[in-house]
Amino acid sequence: MTPAHGKEDTSRGTADSKRMSEFAVSGRFQSRDGYSNFEKVVDAPNDDVARERVYANLGSEHGLKRTQIDIDGVTGQ
């Protein structure tokens, strides 16, 4: 859909212009039974963003705060 001004919306870009990579993020989080290990694979432009996405996803899925999540490593794939 084109905006009313007749210009095409290019703010989203394409997959090639974003240069997303896969990152494997591993660590552990607090659960009822102590700590649970995890390994998540996320698409992100760099390892810092991958780390932030894991904090957000685990926090949302398990009701955790960042202090309850320990990230051991982030590796690019």
PDB file of N, CA and C in Angstrom:
ATOM      1  N   MET A   1       0.844  -1.171   0.000  1.00  0.00           N
ATOM      2  CA  MET A   1       0.000   0.000   0.000  1.00  0.00           C
ATOM      3  C   MET A   1       0.887   1.232   0.000  1.00  0.00           C
ATOM      4  N   THR A   2       0.609   2.183  -0.851  1.00  0.00           N
ATOM      5  CA  THR A   2       1.424   3.392  -0.913  1.00  0.00           C
ATOM      6  C   THR A   2       0.764   4.492  -0.109  1.00  0.00           C
ATOM      7  N   PRO A   3       1.564   5.325   0.542  1.00  0.00           N
ATOM      8  CA  PRO A   3       1.009   6.432   1.323  1.00  0.00           C
ATOM      9  C   PRO A   3       0.310   7.451   0.424  1.00  0.00           C
ATOM     10  N   ALA A   4      -0.429   8.352   1.012  1.00  0.00           N
ATOM     11  CA  ALA A   4      -1.196   9.344   0.271  1.00  0.00           C
ATOM     12  C   ALA A   4      -0.306  10.294  -0.527  1.00  0.00           C
ATOM     13  N   HIS A   5       0.941  10.470  -0.126  1.00  0.00           N
ATOM     14  CA  HIS A   5       1.841  11.397  -0.807  1.00  0.00           C
ATOM     15  C   HIS A   5       2.420  10.808  -2.077  1.00  0.00           C
ATOM     16  N   GLY A   6       2.145   9.547  -2.360  1.00  0.00           N
ATOM     17  CA  GLY A   6       2.619   8.927  -3.579  1.00  0.00           C
ATOM     18  C   GLY A   6       4.017   8.350  -3.473  1.00  0.00           C
ATOM     19  N   LYS A   7       4.645   8.442  -2.322  1.00  0.00           N
ATOM     20  CA  LYS A   7       5.973   7.870  -2.134  1.00  0.00           C
ATOM     21  C   LYS A   7       5.845   6.495  -1.507  1.00  0.00           C
ATOM     22  N   GLU A   8       6.709   5.601  -1.919  1.00  0.00           N
ATOM     23  CA  GLU A   8       6.680   4.244  -1.384  1.00  0.00           C
ATOM     24  C   GLU A   8       7.387   4.218  -0.037  1.00  0.00           C
ATOM     25  N   ASP A   9       6.841   3.472   0.913  1.00  0.00           N
ATOM     26  CA  ASP A   9       7.428   3.341   2.244  1.00  0.00           C
ATOM     27  C   ASP A   9       8.600   2.364   2.198  1.00  0.00           C
ATOM     28  N   THR A  10       9.809   2.875   2.420  1.00  0.00           N
ATOM     29  CA  THR A  10      10.998   2.024   2.406  1.00  0.00           C
ATOM     30  C   THR A  10      11.646   1.952   3.779  1.00  0.00           C
ATOM     31  N   SER A  11      10.948   2.369   4.819  1.00  0.00           N
ATOM     32  CA  SER A  11      11.535   2.403   6.157  1.00  0.00           C
ATOM     33  C   SER A  11      11.860   1.023   6.702  1.00  0.00           C
ATOM     34  N   ARG A  12      11.165   0.004   6.225  1.00  0.00           N
ATOM     35  CA  ARG A  12      11.425  -1.347   6.714  1.00  0.00           C
ATOM     36  C   ARG A  12      12.660  -1.956   6.077  1.00  0.00           C
ATOM     37  N   GLY A  13      12.971  -1.586   4.861  1.00  0.00           N
ATOM     38  CA  GLY A  13      14.125  -2.148   4.173  1.00  0.00           C
ATOM     39  C   GLY A  13      13.889  -3.596   3.786  1.00  0.00           C
ATOM     40  N   THR A  14      14.939  -4.237   3.312  1.00  0.00           N
ATOM     41  CA  THR A  14      14.857  -5.643   2.940  1.00  0.00           C
ATOM     42  C   THR A  14      15.747  -6.449   3.868  1.00  0.00           C
ATOM     43  N   ALA A  15      15.632  -7.751   3.792  1.00  0.00           N
ATOM     44  CA  ALA A  15      16.445  -8.623   4.646  1.00  0.00           C
ATOM     45  C   ALA A  15      17.932  -8.427   4.351  1.00  0.00           C
ATOM     46  N   ASP A  16      18.280  -8.161   3.081  1.00  0.00           N
ATOM     47  CA  ASP A  16      19.682  -7.980   2.725  1.00  0.00           C
ATOM     48  C   ASP A  16      20.260  -6.703   3.317  1.00  0.00           C
ATOM     49  N   SER A  17      19.450  -5.648   3.431  1.00  0.00           N
ATOM     50  CA  SER A  17      19.975  -4.378   3.917  1.00  0.00           C
ATOM     51  C   SER A  17      20.190  -4.377   5.430  1.00  0.00           C
ATOM     52  N   LYS A  18      19.549  -5.252   6.162  1.00  0.00           N
ATOM     53  CA  LYS A  18      19.672  -5.274   7.625  1.00  0.00           C
ATOM     54  C   LYS A  18      20.867  -6.089   8.100  1.00  0.00           C
ATOM     55  N   ARG A  19      21.338  -7.042   7.308  1.00  0.00           N
ATOM     56  CA  ARG A  19      22.486  -7.880   7.670  1.00  0.00           C
ATOM     57  C   ARG A  19      22.281  -8.609   8.990  1.00  0.00           C
ATOM     58  N   MET A  20      21.161  -9.292   9.120  1.00  0.00           N
ATOM     59  CA  MET A  20      20.882 -10.056  10.334  1.00  0.00           C
ATOM     60  C   MET A  20      21.676 -11.359  10.310  1.00  0.00           C
ATOM     61  N   SER A  21      22.177 -11.735  11.461  1.00  0.00           N
ATOM     62  CA  SER A  21      22.902 -12.984  11.619  1.00  0.00           C
ATOM     63  C   SER A  21      22.240 -13.789  12.721  1.00  0.00           C
ATOM     64  N   GLU A  22      22.523 -15.079  12.738  1.00  0.00           N
ATOM     65  CA  GLU A  22      22.028 -15.922  13.821  1.00  0.00           C
ATOM     66  C   GLU A  22      23.071 -15.974  14.929  1.00  0.00           C
ATOM     67  N   PHE A  23      22.616 -15.852  16.154  1.00  0.00           N
ATOM     68  CA  PHE A  23      23.487 -15.947  17.319  1.00  0.00           C
ATOM     69  C   PHE A  23      22.919 -16.989  18.266  1.00  0.00           C
ATOM     70  N   ALA A  24      23.795 -17.807  18.824  1.00  0.00           N
ATOM     71  CA  ALA A  24      23.403 -18.771  19.850  1.00  0.00           C
ATOM     72  C   ALA A  24      23.763 -18.157  21.204  1.00  0.00           C
ATOM     73  N   VAL A  25      22.772 -18.036  22.057  1.00  0.00           N
ATOM     74  CA  VAL A  25      22.956 -17.441  23.382  1.00  0.00           C
ATOM     75  C   VAL A  25      22.671 -18.532  24.405  1.00  0.00           C
ATOM     76  N   SER A  26      23.615 -18.753  25.312  1.00  0.00           N
ATOM     77  CA  SER A  26      23.436 -19.798  26.318  1.00  0.00           C
ATOM     78  C   SER A  26      23.651 -19.238  27.709  1.00  0.00           C
ATOM     79  N   GLY A  27      23.029 -19.909  28.680  1.00  0.00           N
ATOM     80  CA  GLY A  27      23.161 -19.481  30.069  1.00  0.00           C
ATOM     81  C   GLY A  27      22.202 -20.240  30.951  1.00  0.00           C
ATOM     82  N   ARG A  28      21.778 -19.587  32.029  1.00  0.00           N
ATOM     83  CA  ARG A  28      20.840 -20.205  32.957  1.00  0.00           C
ATOM     84  C   ARG A  28      19.949 -19.130  33.563  1.00  0.00           C
ATOM     85  N   PHE A  29      18.797 -19.564  34.055  1.00  0.00           N
ATOM     86  CA  PHE A  29      17.876 -18.635  34.700  1.00  0.00           C
ATOM     87  C   PHE A  29      17.286 -19.279  35.941  1.00  0.00           C
ATOM     88  N   GLN A  30      16.857 -18.432  36.881  1.00  0.00           N
ATOM     89  CA  GLN A  30      16.265 -18.927  38.122  1.00  0.00           C
ATOM     90  C   GLN A  30      14.879 -19.492  37.844  1.00  0.00           C
ATOM     91  N   SER A  31      14.639 -20.664  38.405  1.00  0.00           N
ATOM     92  CA  SER A  31      13.310 -21.275  38.310  1.00  0.00           C
ATOM     93  C   SER A  31      12.916 -21.770  39.695  1.00  0.00           C
ATOM     94  N   ARG A  32      11.775 -22.371  39.800  1.00  0.00           N
ATOM     95  CA  ARG A  32      11.312 -22.860  41.112  1.00  0.00           C
ATOM     96  C   ARG A  32      12.252 -23.888  41.714  1.00  0.00           C
ATOM     97  N   ASP A  33      12.860 -24.699  40.850  1.00  0.00           N
ATOM     98  CA  ASP A  33      13.716 -25.793  41.317  1.00  0.00           C
ATOM     99  C   ASP A  33      15.194 -25.424  41.340  1.00  0.00           C
ATOM    100  N   GLY A  34      15.516 -24.158  41.400  1.00  0.00           N
ATOM    101  CA  GLY A  34      16.915 -23.738  41.346  1.00  0.00           C
ATOM    102  C   GLY A  34      17.180 -23.001  40.056  1.00  0.00           C
ATOM    103  N   TYR A  35      18.146 -23.480  39.292  1.00  0.00           N
ATOM    104  CA  TYR A  35      18.467 -22.864  38.011  1.00  0.00           C
ATOM    105  C   TYR A  35      18.198 -23.827  36.868  1.00  0.00           C
ATOM    106  N   SER A  36      17.763 -23.291  35.743  1.00  0.00           N
ATOM    107  CA  SER A  36      17.552 -24.078  34.528  1.00  0.00           C
ATOM    108  C   SER A  36      18.469 -23.539  33.441  1.00  0.00           C
ATOM    109  N   ASN A  37      19.113 -24.437  32.720  1.00  0.00           N
ATOM    110  CA  ASN A  37      19.980 -24.036  31.614  1.00  0.00           C
ATOM    111  C   ASN A  37      19.140 -23.762  30.376  1.00  0.00           C
ATOM    112  N   PHE A  38      19.653 -22.882  29.510  1.00  0.00           N
ATOM    113  CA  PHE A  38      18.967 -22.608  28.257  1.00  0.00           C
ATOM    114  C   PHE A  38      19.984 -22.361  27.154  1.00  0.00           C
ATOM    115  N   GLU A  39      19.535 -22.548  25.934  1.00  0.00           N
ATOM    116  CA  GLU A  39      20.265 -22.139  24.745  1.00  0.00           C
ATOM    117  C   GLU A  39      19.235 -21.686  23.724  1.00  0.00           C
ATOM    118  N   LYS A  40      19.346 -20.447  23.307  1.00  0.00           N
ATOM    119  CA  LYS A  40      18.406 -19.862  22.357  1.00  0.00           C
ATOM    120  C   LYS A  40      19.174 -19.401  21.125  1.00  0.00           C
ATOM    121  N   VAL A  41      18.562 -19.544  19.964  1.00  0.00           N
ATOM    122  CA  VAL A  41      19.121 -19.017  18.726  1.00  0.00           C
ATOM    123  C   VAL A  41      18.226 -17.867  18.288  1.00  0.00           C
ATOM    124  N   VAL A  42      18.826 -16.680  18.103  1.00  0.00           N
ATOM    125  CA  VAL A  42      18.068 -15.495  17.718  1.00  0.00           C
ATOM    126  C   VAL A  42      18.717 -14.820  16.518  1.00  0.00           C
ATOM    127  N   ASP A  43      17.900 -14.152  15.716  1.00  0.00           N
ATOM    128  CA  ASP A  43      18.395 -13.323  14.619  1.00  0.00           C
ATOM    129  C   ASP A  43      18.608 -11.916  15.149  1.00  0.00           C
ATOM    130  N   ALA A  44      19.793 -11.360  14.897  1.00  0.00           N
ATOM    131  CA  ALA A  44      20.107 -10.016  15.373  1.00  0.00           C
ATOM    132  C   ALA A  44      21.244  -9.441  14.539  1.00  0.00           C
ATOM    133  N   PRO A  45      21.356  -8.114  14.489  1.00  0.00           N
ATOM    134  CA  PRO A  45      22.444  -7.507  13.728  1.00  0.00           C
ATOM    135  C   PRO A  45      23.811  -7.649  14.409  1.00  0.00           C
ATOM    136  N   ASN A  46      23.831  -7.803  15.752  1.00  0.00           N
ATOM    137  CA  ASN A  46      25.094  -8.002  16.465  1.00  0.00           C
ATOM    138  C   ASN A  46      24.842  -8.732  17.786  1.00  0.00           C
ATOM    139  N   ASP A  47      25.925  -9.092  18.478  1.00  0.00           N
ATOM    140  CA  ASP A  47      25.773  -9.905  19.688  1.00  0.00           C
ATOM    141  C   ASP A  47      25.118  -9.154  20.844  1.00  0.00           C
ATOM    142  N   ASP A  48      25.282  -7.842  20.917  1.00  0.00           N
ATOM    143  CA  ASP A  48      24.629  -7.083  21.984  1.00  0.00           C
ATOM    144  C   ASP A  48      23.110  -7.109  21.832  1.00  0.00           C
ATOM    145  N   VAL A  49      22.636  -6.972  20.611  1.00  0.00           N
ATOM    146  CA  VAL A  49      21.196  -7.024  20.352  1.00  0.00           C
ATOM    147  C   VAL A  49      20.668  -8.434  20.606  1.00  0.00           C
ATOM    148  N   ALA A  50      21.449  -9.447  20.250  1.00  0.00           N
ATOM    149  CA  ALA A  50      21.051 -10.831  20.514  1.00  0.00           C
ATOM    150  C   ALA A  50      20.874 -11.051  22.016  1.00  0.00           C
ATOM    151  N   ARG A  51      21.798 -10.538  22.795  1.00  0.00           N
ATOM    152  CA  ARG A  51      21.717 -10.645  24.263  1.00  0.00           C
ATOM    153  C   ARG A  51      20.444  -9.967  24.781  1.00  0.00           C
ATOM    154  N   GLU A  52      20.150  -8.763  24.286  1.00  0.00           N
ATOM    155  CA  GLU A  52      18.960  -8.023  24.711  1.00  0.00           C
ATOM    156  C   GLU A  52      17.674  -8.764  24.347  1.00  0.00           C
ATOM    157  N   ARG A  53      17.656  -9.388  23.175  1.00  0.00           N
ATOM    158  CA  ARG A  53      16.460 -10.129  22.757  1.00  0.00           C
ATOM    159  C   ARG A  53      16.222 -11.341  23.636  1.00  0.00           C
ATOM    160  N   VAL A  54      17.288 -11.983  24.086  1.00  0.00           N
ATOM    161  CA  VAL A  54      17.133 -13.131  24.978  1.00  0.00           C
ATOM    162  C   VAL A  54      16.613 -12.678  26.339  1.00  0.00           C
ATOM    163  N   TYR A  55      17.146 -11.567  26.864  1.00  0.00           N
ATOM    164  CA  TYR A  55      16.610 -11.029  28.117  1.00  0.00           C
ATOM    165  C   TYR A  55      15.112 -10.757  27.986  1.00  0.00           C
ATOM    166  N   ALA A  56      14.716 -10.121  26.888  1.00  0.00           N
ATOM    167  CA  ALA A  56      13.312  -9.766  26.685  1.00  0.00           C
ATOM    168  C   ALA A  56      12.440 -11.011  26.528  1.00  0.00           C
ATOM    169  N   ASN A  57      12.899 -11.970  25.730  1.00  0.00           N
ATOM    170  CA  ASN A  57      12.097 -13.178  25.480  1.00  0.00           C
ATOM    171  C   ASN A  57      11.949 -14.043  26.721  1.00  0.00           C
ATOM    172  N   LEU A  58      13.055 -14.289  27.430  1.00  0.00           N
ATOM    173  CA  LEU A  58      12.966 -15.105  28.646  1.00  0.00           C
ATOM    174  C   LEU A  58      12.147 -14.398  29.721  1.00  0.00           C
ATOM    175  N   GLY A  59      12.328 -13.101  29.838  1.00  0.00           N
ATOM    176  CA  GLY A  59      11.548 -12.341  30.806  1.00  0.00           C
ATOM    177  C   GLY A  59      10.062 -12.433  30.526  1.00  0.00           C
ATOM    178  N   SER A  60       9.709 -12.368  29.261  1.00  0.00           N
ATOM    179  CA  SER A  60       8.312 -12.435  28.868  1.00  0.00           C
ATOM    180  C   SER A  60       7.740 -13.840  29.044  1.00  0.00           C
ATOM    181  N   GLU A  61       8.496 -14.848  28.618  1.00  0.00           N
ATOM    182  CA  GLU A  61       8.010 -16.230  28.674  1.00  0.00           C
ATOM    183  C   GLU A  61       7.910 -16.773  30.095  1.00  0.00           C
ATOM    184  N   HIS A  62       8.861 -16.399  30.949  1.00  0.00           N
ATOM    185  CA  HIS A  62       8.939 -17.004  32.283  1.00  0.00           C
ATOM    186  C   HIS A  62       8.723 -16.015  33.425  1.00  0.00           C
ATOM    187  N   GLY A  63       8.403 -14.785  33.109  1.00  0.00           N
ATOM    188  CA  GLY A  63       8.161 -13.786  34.145  1.00  0.00           C
ATOM    189  C   GLY A  63       9.405 -13.458  34.950  1.00  0.00           C
ATOM    190  N   LEU A  64      10.553 -13.375  34.285  1.00  0.00           N
ATOM    191  CA  LEU A  64      11.828 -13.144  34.960  1.00  0.00           C
ATOM    192  C   LEU A  64      12.297 -11.711  34.816  1.00  0.00           C
ATOM    193  N   LYS A  65      13.088 -11.275  35.789  1.00  0.00           N
ATOM    194  CA  LYS A  65      13.793 -10.007  35.682  1.00  0.00           C
ATOM    195  C   LYS A  65      15.197 -10.296  35.180  1.00  0.00           C
ATOM    196  N   ARG A  66      15.866  -9.272  34.654  1.00  0.00           N
ATOM    197  CA  ARG A  66      17.214  -9.456  34.111  1.00  0.00           C
ATOM    198  C   ARG A  66      18.195 -10.004  35.149  1.00  0.00           C
ATOM    199  N   THR A  67      17.997  -9.658  36.404  1.00  0.00           N
ATOM    200  CA  THR A  67      18.902 -10.144  37.450  1.00  0.00           C
ATOM    201  C   THR A  67      18.748 -11.637  37.703  1.00  0.00           C
ATOM    202  N   GLN A  68      17.659 -12.233  37.214  1.00  0.00           N
ATOM    203  CA  GLN A  68      17.416 -13.665  37.373  1.00  0.00           C
ATOM    204  C   GLN A  68      17.922 -14.476  36.186  1.00  0.00           C
ATOM    205  N   ILE A  69      18.547 -13.812  35.212  1.00  0.00           N
ATOM    206  CA  ILE A  69      19.059 -14.465  34.004  1.00  0.00           C
ATOM    207  C   ILE A  69      20.564 -14.267  33.935  1.00  0.00           C
ATOM    208  N   ASP A  70      21.303 -15.370  33.826  1.00  0.00           N
ATOM    209  CA  ASP A  70      22.762 -15.322  33.673  1.00  0.00           C
ATOM    210  C   ASP A  70      23.114 -15.801  32.271  1.00  0.00           C
ATOM    211  N   ILE A  71      23.654 -14.917  31.452  1.00  0.00           N
ATOM    212  CA  ILE A  71      24.078 -15.298  30.109  1.00  0.00           C
ATOM    213  C   ILE A  71      25.551 -15.646  30.154  1.00  0.00           C
ATOM    214  N   ASP A  72      25.863 -16.882  29.763  1.00  0.00           N
ATOM    215  CA  ASP A  72      27.245 -17.356  29.788  1.00  0.00           C
ATOM    216  C   ASP A  72      28.009 -16.998  28.517  1.00  0.00           C
ATOM    217  N   GLY A  73      27.333 -17.053  27.381  1.00  0.00           N
ATOM    218  CA  GLY A  73      28.037 -16.771  26.139  1.00  0.00           C
ATOM    219  C   GLY A  73      27.124 -16.491  24.974  1.00  0.00           C
ATOM    220  N   VAL A  74      27.670 -15.746  24.015  1.00  0.00           N
ATOM    221  CA  VAL A  74      26.973 -15.441  22.774  1.00  0.00           C
ATOM    222  C   VAL A  74      27.936 -15.762  21.640  1.00  0.00           C
ATOM    223  N   THR A  75      27.518 -16.659  20.729  1.00  0.00           N
ATOM    224  CA  THR A  75      28.369 -17.012  19.605  1.00  0.00           C
ATOM    225  C   THR A  75      27.606 -16.832  18.305  1.00  0.00           C
ATOM    226  N   GLY A  76      28.288 -16.296  17.306  1.00  0.00           N
ATOM    227  CA  GLY A  76      27.694 -16.130  15.986  1.00  0.00           C
ATOM    228  C   GLY A  76      27.713 -17.431  15.235  1.00  0.00           C
ATOM    229  N   GLN A  77      26.707 -17.649  14.413  1.00  0.00           N
ATOM    230  CA  GLN A  77      26.638 -18.907  13.665  1.00  0.00           C
ATOM    231  C   GLN A  77      26.757 -18.651  12.185  1.00  0.00           C
TER     232      GLN A  77
END
